Amino acid sequence: MPFEHLSPQTFTAGWNSSRLAAAVIGLSLFSTSTRAEDLIDAALKFFLANDSNTAGFDLDKSRPQPVTSDYKAMVLNSLPKEGRLTKLNELRQRKLDSLGAVLRLHQRQSVYDFAVFESAPKPFAFIGLHQRAVLLISDAALDLLDAEELQASVAHEIGHEYVWAEYRDATQRHDNLRLKELELICDGVAILTLRRVGLDPARLPTAAEKITNFNLLSTGPAWNAERYPSAGERRRFAQAVVNWADSHQGSGVTGK
């Protein structure tokens, strides 16, 4: 869920969930599609070379260059201090610390900063990458997910870096079909990441569904659900990526 398209005014308005719920792209799994298989096939092509039997994607070789430290500092300075939680209890801190394995794999441990904030008055669970520099995590999401689910969610956010410009352009065009495809591609990057660090890729859809169900009860249906693949599409795509990765074991597909 990249946040690049959000205006500075959105952030200076504060962190409260009623504003964020209307502005943030969340992990929404309610949309349906009559072209599910076409969508899955289109997203899978991102990982293929011109020859569909050849691996065309490598986590390391395809990784974009990180933002500079000066740029990150500017982004951090632009975020409001109101509502940001600077003192975390032991459990919350352990969950954040668990992200080290995923961040190190992508060489982002010194690139991303965390911003944990209170989602009041109504709890709103989300995790998002802002300007390729800051992982925004609500207190509700941090409490809701276990460590492995949080790792899976952040792996998905890292996936957005691989398609950052495409996602921005599709958002500006209101191209919901393309946005669904890009969300699946981010899931694919996350799945390959989780496999490489020794985590179960099934933790990704589990985390997404937990966030969706939580927000449905807390704040109601997502306003932008049409931008996201359905739970079924995401699970079918996840299995397709696992099958493809298994068939290319040792080819460099996961960067090994």
C-alpha atoms as a PDB file:
ATOM      1  CA  MET A   1       0.000   0.000   0.000  1.00  0.00           C
ATOM      2  CA  PRO A   2       2.197   2.843  -1.139  1.00  0.00           C
ATOM      3  CA  PHE A   3       1.466   6.273   0.284  1.00  0.00           C
ATOM      4  CA  GLU A   4       3.275   8.376  -2.303  1.00  0.00           C
ATOM      5  CA  HIS A   5       0.028   9.612  -3.828  1.00  0.00           C
ATOM      6  CA  LEU A   6      -1.261  11.043  -0.545  1.00  0.00           C
ATOM      7  CA  SER A   7      -0.965  14.800  -0.181  1.00  0.00           C
ATOM      8  CA  PRO A   8       1.019  16.423   2.670  1.00  0.00           C
ATOM      9  CA  GLN A   9      -2.287  17.838   3.922  1.00  0.00           C
ATOM     10  CA  THR A  10      -3.493  14.296   4.611  1.00  0.00           C
ATOM     11  CA  PHE A  11      -0.664  13.763   7.083  1.00  0.00           C
ATOM     12  CA  THR A  12      -0.769  17.176   8.683  1.00  0.00           C
ATOM     13  CA  ALA A  13      -4.451  16.517   9.371  1.00  0.00           C
ATOM     14  CA  GLY A  14      -3.296  13.975  11.977  1.00  0.00           C
ATOM     15  CA  TRP A  15      -3.332  10.222  12.373  1.00  0.00           C
ATOM     16  CA  ASN A  16      -6.918   9.604  13.460  1.00  0.00           C
ATOM     17  CA  SER A  17      -8.605   6.634  11.852  1.00  0.00           C
ATOM     18  CA  SER A  18     -11.645   8.435  10.475  1.00  0.00           C
ATOM     19  CA  ARG A  19      -9.366  10.472   8.198  1.00  0.00           C
ATOM     20  CA  LEU A  20      -7.050   7.589   7.415  1.00  0.00           C
ATOM     21  CA  ALA A  21      -9.918   5.281   6.575  1.00  0.00           C
ATOM     22  CA  ALA A  22     -10.952   7.740   3.883  1.00  0.00           C
ATOM     23  CA  ALA A  23      -7.441   8.299   2.531  1.00  0.00           C
ATOM     24  CA  VAL A  24      -5.338   5.184   2.937  1.00  0.00           C
ATOM     25  CA  ILE A  25      -5.231   2.215   0.637  1.00  0.00           C
ATOM     26  CA  GLY A  26      -5.856  -0.695   2.992  1.00  0.00           C
ATOM     27  CA  LEU A  27      -5.548  -4.446   2.740  1.00  0.00           C
ATOM     28  CA  SER A  28      -8.986  -4.966   1.235  1.00  0.00           C
ATOM     29  CA  LEU A  29     -10.092  -8.355  -0.021  1.00  0.00           C
ATOM     30  CA  PHE A  30     -13.737  -7.861  -0.911  1.00  0.00           C
ATOM     31  CA  SER A  31     -13.653  -7.237  -4.655  1.00  0.00           C
ATOM     32  CA  THR A  32     -14.779  -9.871  -7.128  1.00  0.00           C
ATOM     33  CA  SER A  33     -13.671 -10.428 -10.693  1.00  0.00           C
ATOM     34  CA  THR A  34     -15.118 -12.390 -13.585  1.00  0.00           C
ATOM     35  CA  ARG A  35     -11.633 -12.441 -15.108  1.00  0.00           C
ATOM     36  CA  ALA A  36      -9.804 -13.939 -12.139  1.00  0.00           C
ATOM     37  CA  GLU A  37      -7.639 -16.306 -14.138  1.00  0.00           C
ATOM     38  CA  ASP A  38      -6.708 -13.563 -16.642  1.00  0.00           C
ATOM     39  CA  LEU A  39      -5.737 -11.321 -13.727  1.00  0.00           C
ATOM     40  CA  ILE A  40      -3.613 -14.041 -12.152  1.00  0.00           C
ATOM     41  CA  ASP A  41      -1.923 -14.854 -15.466  1.00  0.00           C
ATOM     42  CA  ALA A  42      -1.203 -11.185 -16.136  1.00  0.00           C
ATOM     43  CA  ALA A  43       0.395 -10.711 -12.721  1.00  0.00           C
ATOM     44  CA  LEU A  44       2.434 -13.904 -13.044  1.00  0.00           C
ATOM     45  CA  LYS A  45       4.009 -12.605 -16.277  1.00  0.00           C
ATOM     46  CA  PHE A  46       5.938 -10.080 -14.174  1.00  0.00           C
ATOM     47  CA  PHE A  47       8.058 -12.943 -12.883  1.00  0.00           C
ATOM     48  CA  LEU A  48       8.659 -14.602 -16.256  1.00  0.00           C
ATOM     49  CA  ALA A  49      11.125 -13.952 -19.046  1.00  0.00           C
ATOM     50  CA  ASN A  50       9.940 -13.785 -22.663  1.00  0.00           C
ATOM     51  CA  ASP A  51      10.023 -17.554 -22.597  1.00  0.00           C
ATOM     52  CA  SER A  52       7.383 -18.599 -20.041  1.00  0.00           C
ATOM     53  CA  ASN A  53       9.542 -21.541 -19.027  1.00  0.00           C
ATOM     54  CA  THR A  54      12.399 -19.288 -17.948  1.00  0.00           C
ATOM     55  CA  ALA A  55      12.708 -17.361 -14.706  1.00  0.00           C
ATOM     56  CA  GLY A  56      12.794 -13.631 -15.443  1.00  0.00           C
ATOM     57  CA  PHE A  57      12.801 -12.280 -11.908  1.00  0.00           C
ATOM     58  CA  ASP A  58      15.375 -12.267  -9.148  1.00  0.00           C
ATOM     59  CA  LEU A  59      14.844 -10.600  -5.764  1.00  0.00           C
ATOM     60  CA  ASP A  60      18.365  -9.219  -5.734  1.00  0.00           C
ATOM     61  CA  LYS A  61      18.963  -8.317  -9.372  1.00  0.00           C
ATOM     62  CA  SER A  62      15.531  -6.716  -9.787  1.00  0.00           C
ATOM     63  CA  ARG A  63      15.629  -4.716  -6.553  1.00  0.00           C
ATOM     64  CA  PRO A  64      15.362  -0.926  -7.042  1.00  0.00           C
ATOM     65  CA  GLN A  65      17.925   1.449  -5.618  1.00  0.00           C
ATOM     66  CA  PRO A  66      16.963   2.733  -2.143  1.00  0.00           C
ATOM     67  CA  VAL A  67      16.143   6.346  -1.379  1.00  0.00           C
ATOM     68  CA  THR A  68      18.936   8.494  -0.006  1.00  0.00           C
ATOM     69  CA  SER A  69      19.383   9.287   3.682  1.00  0.00           C
ATOM     70  CA  ASP A  70      18.732  12.975   2.981  1.00  0.00           C
ATOM     71  CA  TYR A  71      15.458  12.141   1.278  1.00  0.00           C
ATOM     72  CA  LYS A  72      14.418   9.896   4.162  1.00  0.00           C
ATOM     73  CA  ALA A  73      15.168  12.654   6.638  1.00  0.00           C
ATOM     74  CA  MET A  74      12.962  15.029   4.646  1.00  0.00           C
ATOM     75  CA  VAL A  75      10.126  12.486   4.604  1.00  0.00           C
ATOM     76  CA  LEU A  76      10.405  11.900   8.355  1.00  0.00           C
ATOM     77  CA  ASN A  77      10.341  15.617   9.043  1.00  0.00           C
ATOM     78  CA  SER A  78       7.156  15.955   7.006  1.00  0.00           C
ATOM     79  CA  LEU A  79       5.205  13.527   9.188  1.00  0.00           C
ATOM     80  CA  PRO A  80       3.063  14.906  12.018  1.00  0.00           C
ATOM     81  CA  LYS A  81       4.162  14.162  15.563  1.00  0.00           C
ATOM     82  CA  GLU A  82       0.602  14.099  16.879  1.00  0.00           C
ATOM     83  CA  GLY A  83      -0.558  10.555  17.580  1.00  0.00           C
ATOM     84  CA  ARG A  84       2.818   8.963  16.979  1.00  0.00           C
ATOM     85  CA  LEU A  85       3.776   6.375  19.580  1.00  0.00           C
ATOM     86  CA  THR A  86       7.402   6.631  20.604  1.00  0.00           C
ATOM     87  CA  LYS A  87       7.333   4.282  23.596  1.00  0.00           C
ATOM     88  CA  LEU A  88       6.231   0.730  22.838  1.00  0.00           C
ATOM     89  CA  ASN A  89       5.590  -2.095  25.250  1.00  0.00           C
ATOM     90  CA  GLU A  90       7.809  -5.159  25.134  1.00  0.00           C
ATOM     91  CA  LEU A  91       5.490  -7.238  22.928  1.00  0.00           C
ATOM     92  CA  ARG A  92       5.052  -4.511  20.334  1.00  0.00           C
ATOM     93  CA  GLN A  93       8.798  -3.861  20.245  1.00  0.00           C
ATOM     94  CA  ARG A  94       9.565  -7.571  19.786  1.00  0.00           C
ATOM     95  CA  LYS A  95       7.260  -7.645  16.778  1.00  0.00           C
ATOM     96  CA  LEU A  96       9.031  -4.678  15.223  1.00  0.00           C
ATOM     97  CA  ASP A  97      12.405  -6.245  15.948  1.00  0.00           C
ATOM     98  CA  SER A  98      11.280  -9.416  14.143  1.00  0.00           C
ATOM     99  CA  LEU A  99      11.161  -7.457  10.879  1.00  0.00           C
ATOM    100  CA  GLY A 100      14.940  -7.435  10.751  1.00  0.00           C
ATOM    101  CA  ALA A 101      15.208 -10.631   8.717  1.00  0.00           C
ATOM    102  CA  VAL A 102      12.921  -9.339   5.963  1.00  0.00           C
ATOM    103  CA  LEU A 103      14.522  -5.894   5.890  1.00  0.00           C
ATOM    104  CA  ARG A 104      18.059  -7.290   5.796  1.00  0.00           C
ATOM    105  CA  LEU A 105      17.188  -9.549   2.882  1.00  0.00           C
ATOM    106  CA  HIS A 106      16.167  -6.483   0.893  1.00  0.00           C
ATOM    107  CA  GLN A 107      18.943  -4.266   2.262  1.00  0.00           C
ATOM    108  CA  ARG A 108      16.369  -1.948   3.794  1.00  0.00           C
ATOM    109  CA  GLN A 109      17.291  -2.250   7.486  1.00  0.00           C
ATOM    110  CA  SER A 110      18.948   1.183   7.435  1.00  0.00           C
ATOM    111  CA  VAL A 111      16.676   2.641   4.743  1.00  0.00           C
ATOM    112  CA  TYR A 112      13.215   2.361   6.283  1.00  0.00           C
ATOM    113  CA  ASP A 113      12.163   3.972   9.527  1.00  0.00           C
ATOM    114  CA  PHE A 114       9.095   2.885  11.503  1.00  0.00           C
ATOM    115  CA  ALA A 115       6.288   5.226  12.477  1.00  0.00           C
ATOM    116  CA  VAL A 116       3.786   3.592  14.833  1.00  0.00           C
ATOM    117  CA  PHE A 117       0.719   5.662  15.538  1.00  0.00           C
ATOM    118  CA  GLU A 118      -2.498   5.534  17.472  1.00  0.00           C
ATOM    119  CA  SER A 119      -5.567   4.907  15.310  1.00  0.00           C
ATOM    120  CA  ALA A 120      -8.152   6.736  17.370  1.00  0.00           C
ATOM    121  CA  PRO A 121     -11.036   7.151  17.975  1.00  0.00           C
ATOM    122  CA  LYS A 122     -11.899   3.983  16.022  1.00  0.00           C
ATOM    123  CA  PRO A 123      -9.161   1.339  15.747  1.00  0.00           C
ATOM    124  CA  PHE A 124      -7.992   0.962  12.163  1.00  0.00           C
ATOM    125  CA  ALA A 125      -5.438  -1.681  11.191  1.00  0.00           C
ATOM    126  CA  PHE A 126      -3.078  -0.948   8.347  1.00  0.00           C
ATOM    127  CA  ILE A 127       0.547  -1.089   7.292  1.00  0.00           C
ATOM    128  CA  GLY A 128       1.854   1.078   4.498  1.00  0.00           C
ATOM    129  CA  LEU A 129       5.059   2.245   2.861  1.00  0.00           C
ATOM    130  CA  HIS A 130       5.270   6.039   2.652  1.00  0.00           C
ATOM    131  CA  GLN A 131       7.580   7.566   0.039  1.00  0.00           C
ATOM    132  CA  ARG A 132       9.739   4.406  -0.004  1.00  0.00           C
ATOM    133  CA  ALA A 133      11.216   5.573   3.298  1.00  0.00           C
ATOM    134  CA  VAL A 134       8.841   5.058   6.231  1.00  0.00           C
ATOM    135  CA  LEU A 135       6.759   2.072   7.228  1.00  0.00           C
ATOM    136  CA  LEU A 136       3.565   3.416   8.776  1.00  0.00           C
ATOM    137  CA  ILE A 137       2.025   0.917  11.183  1.00  0.00           C
ATOM    138  CA  SER A 138      -1.095   1.504  13.221  1.00  0.00           C
ATOM    139  CA  ASP A 139      -1.270   0.338  16.816  1.00  0.00           C
ATOM    140  CA  ALA A 140      -4.252  -1.819  15.853  1.00  0.00           C
ATOM    141  CA  ALA A 141      -2.264  -3.667  13.175  1.00  0.00           C
ATOM    142  CA  LEU A 142       0.713  -4.127  15.485  1.00  0.00           C
ATOM    143  CA  ASP A 143      -1.524  -5.688  18.136  1.00  0.00           C
ATOM    144  CA  LEU A 144      -3.635  -7.718  15.712  1.00  0.00           C
ATOM    145  CA  LEU A 145      -0.895  -9.530  13.808  1.00  0.00           C
ATOM    146  CA  ASP A 146       1.616 -11.955  15.193  1.00  0.00           C
ATOM    147  CA  ALA A 147       5.290 -11.525  14.306  1.00  0.00           C
ATOM    148  CA  GLU A 148       5.222 -13.734  11.203  1.00  0.00           C
ATOM    149  CA  GLU A 149       2.072 -12.074   9.871  1.00  0.00           C
ATOM    150  CA  LEU A 150       3.708  -8.687  10.386  1.00  0.00           C
ATOM    151  CA  GLN A 151       6.786  -9.888   8.519  1.00  0.00           C
ATOM    152  CA  ALA A 152       4.600 -11.092   5.667  1.00  0.00           C
ATOM    153  CA  SER A 153       2.762  -7.768   5.501  1.00  0.00           C
ATOM    154  CA  VAL A 154       5.992  -5.783   5.422  1.00  0.00           C
ATOM    155  CA  ALA A 155       7.346  -8.095   2.714  1.00  0.00           C
ATOM    156  CA  HIS A 156       4.287  -7.106   0.656  1.00  0.00           C
ATOM    157  CA  GLU A 157       5.060  -3.421   1.276  1.00  0.00           C
ATOM    158  CA  ILE A 158       8.630  -3.950   0.088  1.00  0.00           C
ATOM    159  CA  GLY A 159       7.105  -5.439  -3.047  1.00  0.00           C
ATOM    160  CA  HIS A 160       5.609  -2.046  -3.832  1.00  0.00           C
ATOM    161  CA  GLU A 161       9.082  -0.663  -4.393  1.00  0.00           C
ATOM    162  CA  TYR A 162       9.445  -2.973  -7.401  1.00  0.00           C
ATOM    163  CA  VAL A 163       6.359  -1.432  -9.051  1.00  0.00           C
ATOM    164  CA  TRP A 164       6.345   2.037  -7.475  1.00  0.00           C
ATOM    165  CA  ALA A 165       6.049   4.120 -10.650  1.00  0.00           C
ATOM    166  CA  GLU A 166       3.528   1.751 -12.210  1.00  0.00           C
ATOM    167  CA  TYR A 167       1.342   1.895  -9.104  1.00  0.00           C
ATOM    168  CA  ARG A 168       1.447   5.685  -9.017  1.00  0.00           C
ATOM    169  CA  ASP A 169       0.499   5.898 -12.699  1.00  0.00           C
ATOM    170  CA  ALA A 170      -2.344   3.385 -12.367  1.00  0.00           C
ATOM    171  CA  THR A 171      -3.690   5.283  -9.359  1.00  0.00           C
ATOM    172  CA  GLN A 172      -3.684   8.549 -11.297  1.00  0.00           C
ATOM    173  CA  ARG A 173      -5.523   6.848 -14.197  1.00  0.00           C
ATOM    174  CA  HIS A 174      -8.015   5.194 -11.814  1.00  0.00           C
ATOM    175  CA  ASP A 175      -7.080   1.925 -13.522  1.00  0.00           C
ATOM    176  CA  ASN A 176      -8.474  -0.507 -10.973  1.00  0.00           C
ATOM    177  CA  LEU A 177      -7.692  -3.616 -13.013  1.00  0.00           C
ATOM    178  CA  ARG A 178      -4.033  -2.642 -13.231  1.00  0.00           C
ATOM    179  CA  LEU A 179      -3.974  -1.832  -9.506  1.00  0.00           C
ATOM    180  CA  LYS A 180      -5.300  -5.322  -8.734  1.00  0.00           C
ATOM    181  CA  GLU A 181      -2.577  -6.813 -10.904  1.00  0.00           C
ATOM    182  CA  LEU A 182       0.109  -4.764  -9.156  1.00  0.00           C
ATOM    183  CA  GLU A 183      -1.196  -5.811  -5.742  1.00  0.00           C
ATOM    184  CA  LEU A 184      -0.781  -9.440  -6.789  1.00  0.00           C
ATOM    185  CA  ILE A 185       2.743  -8.715  -8.003  1.00  0.00           C
ATOM    186  CA  CYS A 186       3.550  -7.301  -4.552  1.00  0.00           C
ATOM    187  CA  ASP A 187       2.115 -10.487  -3.051  1.00  0.00           C
ATOM    188  CA  GLY A 188       4.447 -12.431  -5.336  1.00  0.00           C
ATOM    189  CA  VAL A 189       7.502 -10.511  -4.147  1.00  0.00           C
ATOM    190  CA  ALA A 190       6.390 -11.126  -0.575  1.00  0.00           C
ATOM    191  CA  ILE A 191       5.953 -14.847  -1.156  1.00  0.00           C
ATOM    192  CA  LEU A 192       9.449 -15.179  -2.636  1.00  0.00           C
ATOM    193  CA  THR A 193      10.806 -13.151   0.269  1.00  0.00           C
ATOM    194  CA  LEU A 194       9.108 -15.317   2.880  1.00  0.00           C
ATOM    195  CA  ARG A 195      10.353 -18.508   1.242  1.00  0.00           C
ATOM    196  CA  ARG A 196      13.887 -17.190   1.277  1.00  0.00           C
ATOM    197  CA  VAL A 197      13.867 -16.251   4.974  1.00  0.00           C
ATOM    198  CA  GLY A 198      12.265 -19.555   5.912  1.00  0.00           C
ATOM    199  CA  LEU A 199       8.705 -18.400   6.644  1.00  0.00           C
ATOM    200  CA  ASP A 200       5.443 -19.918   5.467  1.00  0.00           C
ATOM    201  CA  PRO A 201       4.001 -17.895   2.518  1.00  0.00           C
ATOM    202  CA  ALA A 202       0.523 -18.746   3.820  1.00  0.00           C
ATOM    203  CA  ARG A 203       1.081 -16.125   6.527  1.00  0.00           C
ATOM    204  CA  LEU A 204       0.539 -13.410   3.900  1.00  0.00           C
ATOM    205  CA  PRO A 205      -3.128 -14.107   3.031  1.00  0.00           C
ATOM    206  CA  THR A 206      -3.807 -14.882   6.686  1.00  0.00           C
ATOM    207  CA  ALA A 207      -2.536 -11.446   7.694  1.00  0.00           C
ATOM    208  CA  ALA A 208      -4.487  -9.720   4.940  1.00  0.00           C
ATOM    209  CA  GLU A 209      -7.729 -11.409   5.897  1.00  0.00           C
ATOM    210  CA  LYS A 210      -7.243 -10.624   9.588  1.00  0.00           C
ATOM    211  CA  ILE A 211      -6.767  -6.940   8.792  1.00  0.00           C
ATOM    212  CA  THR A 212      -9.764  -6.879   6.474  1.00  0.00           C
ATOM    213  CA  ASN A 213     -12.081  -8.543   8.960  1.00  0.00           C
ATOM    214  CA  PHE A 214     -10.894  -6.308  11.784  1.00  0.00           C
ATOM    215  CA  ASN A 215     -11.469  -3.122   9.796  1.00  0.00           C
ATOM    216  CA  LEU A 216     -14.837  -4.307   8.543  1.00  0.00           C
ATOM    217  CA  LEU A 217     -16.052  -4.601  12.117  1.00  0.00           C
ATOM    218  CA  SER A 218     -14.375  -1.402  13.286  1.00  0.00           C
ATOM    219  CA  THR A 219     -14.844   1.087  10.447  1.00  0.00           C
ATOM    220  CA  GLY A 220     -17.040  -0.675   7.896  1.00  0.00           C
ATOM    221  CA  PRO A 221     -16.415  -1.740   4.277  1.00  0.00           C
ATOM    222  CA  ALA A 222     -13.410  -0.193   2.526  1.00  0.00           C
ATOM    223  CA  TRP A 223     -14.270   2.607   0.120  1.00  0.00           C
ATOM    224  CA  ASN A 224     -11.611   1.504  -2.380  1.00  0.00           C
ATOM    225  CA  ALA A 225     -12.250  -2.240  -2.439  1.00  0.00           C
ATOM    226  CA  GLU A 226     -12.438  -2.291  -6.239  1.00  0.00           C
ATOM    227  CA  ARG A 227      -8.678  -1.622  -6.357  1.00  0.00           C
ATOM    228  CA  TYR A 228      -7.852  -4.943  -4.738  1.00  0.00           C
ATOM    229  CA  PRO A 229      -8.034  -8.588  -5.763  1.00  0.00           C
ATOM    230  CA  SER A 230     -10.419 -10.799  -3.847  1.00  0.00           C
ATOM    231  CA  ALA A 231      -9.267 -13.210  -1.164  1.00  0.00           C
ATOM    232  CA  GLY A 232      -9.778 -16.087  -3.589  1.00  0.00           C
ATOM    233  CA  GLU A 233      -7.733 -14.403  -6.309  1.00  0.00           C
ATOM    234  CA  ARG A 234      -4.929 -13.729  -3.885  1.00  0.00           C
ATOM    235  CA  ARG A 235      -4.865 -17.300  -2.654  1.00  0.00           C
ATOM    236  CA  ARG A 236      -4.915 -18.719  -6.204  1.00  0.00           C
ATOM    237  CA  PHE A 237      -2.136 -16.368  -7.230  1.00  0.00           C
ATOM    238  CA  ALA A 238      -0.089 -17.276  -4.168  1.00  0.00           C
ATOM    239  CA  GLN A 239      -0.311 -20.945  -5.083  1.00  0.00           C
ATOM    240  CA  ALA A 240       0.661 -20.154  -8.686  1.00  0.00           C
ATOM    241  CA  VAL A 241       3.760 -18.284  -7.499  1.00  0.00           C
ATOM    242  CA  VAL A 242       4.734 -21.113  -5.142  1.00  0.00           C
ATOM    243  CA  ASN A 243       4.324 -23.658  -7.952  1.00  0.00           C
ATOM    244  CA  TRP A 244       6.372 -21.514 -10.322  1.00  0.00           C
ATOM    245  CA  ALA A 245       9.125 -20.944  -7.743  1.00  0.00           C
ATOM    246  CA  ASP A 246       9.257 -24.668  -6.991  1.00  0.00           C
ATOM    247  CA  SER A 247       9.710 -25.408 -10.692  1.00  0.00           C
ATOM    248  CA  HIS A 248      12.624 -22.957 -10.900  1.00  0.00           C
ATOM    249  CA  GLN A 249      14.414 -24.050  -7.736  1.00  0.00           C
ATOM    250  CA  GLY A 250      18.102 -23.263  -8.092  1.00  0.00           C
ATOM    251  CA  SER A 251      17.612 -20.961 -11.070  1.00  0.00           C
ATOM    252  CA  GLY A 252      18.151 -17.784  -9.073  1.00  0.00           C
ATOM    253  CA  VAL A 253      14.464 -16.961  -8.978  1.00  0.00           C
ATOM    254  CA  THR A 254      14.568 -16.182  -5.261  1.00  0.00           C
ATOM    255  CA  GLY A 255      17.992 -14.668  -5.366  1.00  0.00           C
ATOM    256  CA  LYS A 256      19.784 -17.681  -3.897  1.00  0.00           C
END
